[in-house]
Amino acid sequence: MARTLINCPKEVKRGEDFDIRVLIAHPMESGQRRDDVGQLVPRFIIHELTCTYGGEEVLRIEMFPAIAANPFFTFSVRAVDSGTITLRWVDDNDVAQSQSIDLAVT
């Protein structure tokens, strides 16, 4: 299970843009590296990251083997209403994880 850090303000003024920063601790193996005996190490990456705000999708990222280990993302969203921000990611083993935080809009 990947460890995730999400940085987002807890309260924002309506109509204001705010940043969401996400760091996912994941080994991210590209599938192109060889082990000590010359065998290819199987690919193991997070291949999809989505973010919903108040139930509406605001971000979708499709990742490929060139993505770094422990990927870091930052993006901006406009504050509309108070609601839940949910980040969900899926890796090559079809393991899905999600984490949510609440946002208050004043």
Protein backbone atom coordinates (compact mmCIF):
# COMPACT_ATOMS: atom_id res chain seq x y z
CA MET A 1 0.00 0.00 0.00
CA ALA A 2 1.42 3.38 -1.02
CA ARG A 3 1.82 6.14 1.55
CA THR A 4 0.39 9.45 0.39
CA LEU A 5 0.79 13.04 1.52
CA ILE A 6 -1.81 15.57 0.38
CA ASN A 7 -1.31 19.27 1.01
CA CYS A 8 -4.37 21.45 0.52
CA PRO A 9 -5.83 24.39 2.45
CA LYS A 10 -8.68 23.49 4.79
CA GLU A 11 -10.56 26.73 4.03
CA VAL A 12 -10.72 28.82 0.84
CA LYS A 13 -12.77 31.82 -0.31
CA ARG A 14 -15.41 31.15 -2.97
CA GLY A 15 -14.09 31.75 -6.50
CA GLU A 16 -10.46 31.61 -5.40
CA ASP A 17 -7.98 29.21 -7.01
CA PHE A 18 -6.07 26.97 -4.62
CA ASP A 19 -3.29 24.43 -5.03
CA ILE A 20 -3.41 20.74 -4.25
CA ARG A 21 -0.05 19.00 -3.82
CA VAL A 22 0.23 15.21 -3.78
CA LEU A 23 3.23 13.00 -3.03
CA ILE A 24 2.74 9.25 -3.47
CA ALA A 25 5.42 6.96 -2.02
CA HIS A 26 5.55 4.12 -4.57
CA PRO A 27 8.58 2.24 -5.99
CA MET A 28 7.55 2.73 -9.66
CA GLU A 29 9.46 0.04 -11.55
CA SER A 30 9.58 0.77 -15.31
CA GLY A 31 9.91 -2.84 -16.50
CA GLN A 32 13.08 -2.00 -18.46
CA ARG A 33 15.64 -2.65 -15.73
CA ARG A 34 17.33 -6.02 -15.20
CA ASP A 35 18.00 -7.71 -11.86
CA ASP A 36 21.29 -9.29 -10.68
CA VAL A 37 20.81 -12.40 -12.86
CA GLY A 38 19.79 -10.52 -16.00
CA GLN A 39 16.02 -11.01 -15.79
CA LEU A 40 13.72 -8.06 -16.49
CA VAL A 41 12.17 -6.63 -13.34
CA PRO A 42 8.40 -6.56 -13.97
CA ARG A 43 6.77 -3.20 -14.57
CA PHE A 44 5.03 -1.85 -11.47
CA ILE A 45 3.80 1.73 -11.73
CA ILE A 46 0.81 3.79 -10.73
CA HIS A 47 -0.91 4.13 -14.08
CA GLU A 48 -3.87 6.34 -13.19
CA LEU A 49 -4.51 9.19 -10.78
CA THR A 50 -7.84 10.99 -10.52
CA CYS A 51 -9.06 13.82 -8.33
CA THR A 52 -12.71 14.61 -7.63
CA TYR A 53 -14.00 17.72 -5.89
CA GLY A 54 -17.56 17.54 -4.63
CA GLY A 55 -18.09 14.39 -6.69
CA GLU A 56 -16.97 16.01 -9.97
CA GLU A 57 -13.75 14.91 -11.63
CA VAL A 58 -11.29 17.81 -11.84
CA LEU A 59 -8.11 15.93 -12.80
CA ARG A 60 -7.20 12.68 -14.56
CA ILE A 61 -3.58 11.67 -15.16
CA GLU A 62 -2.48 8.61 -17.10
CA MET A 63 1.10 7.63 -16.24
CA PHE A 64 3.64 5.67 -18.25
CA PRO A 65 6.91 3.86 -17.34
CA ALA A 66 8.99 7.05 -17.55
CA ILE A 67 7.30 8.40 -14.39
CA ALA A 68 9.66 8.79 -11.43
CA ALA A 69 9.48 6.80 -8.23
CA ASN A 70 7.52 8.62 -5.52
CA PRO A 71 5.74 10.93 -7.96
CA PHE A 72 4.83 14.47 -6.89
CA PHE A 73 1.98 16.41 -8.50
CA THR A 74 0.68 19.92 -7.99
CA PHE A 75 -2.39 21.42 -9.64
CA SER A 76 -4.87 24.24 -9.10
CA VAL A 77 -8.63 24.07 -8.60
CA ARG A 78 -11.19 26.88 -8.28
CA ALA A 79 -13.18 26.88 -5.03
CA VAL A 80 -16.89 26.58 -5.78
CA ASP A 81 -18.59 24.98 -2.77
CA SER A 82 -17.56 23.21 0.39
CA GLY A 83 -17.00 19.55 -0.30
CA THR A 84 -14.71 16.58 -0.28
CA ILE A 85 -11.58 16.31 -2.39
CA THR A 86 -10.81 12.66 -3.16
CA LEU A 87 -7.64 11.41 -4.81
CA ARG A 88 -7.68 7.86 -6.21
CA TRP A 89 -4.86 5.99 -7.90
CA VAL A 90 -4.51 2.52 -9.43
CA ASP A 91 -1.27 0.59 -9.97
CA ASP A 92 -0.33 -2.22 -12.36
CA ASN A 93 -1.50 -4.87 -9.87
CA ASP A 94 -4.99 -3.27 -10.04
CA VAL A 95 -4.62 -2.15 -6.44
CA ALA A 96 -6.68 1.00 -6.01
CA GLN A 97 -6.21 3.41 -3.15
CA SER A 98 -7.93 6.64 -2.29
CA GLN A 99 -7.61 9.40 0.24
CA SER A 100 -10.03 12.24 0.95
CA ILE A 101 -9.87 15.61 2.62
CA ASP A 102 -12.64 18.11 3.36
CA LEU A 103 -12.58 21.67 2.03
CA ALA A 104 -14.59 24.51 3.52
CA VAL A 105 -15.50 27.34 1.15
CA THR A 106 -16.45 30.67 2.74
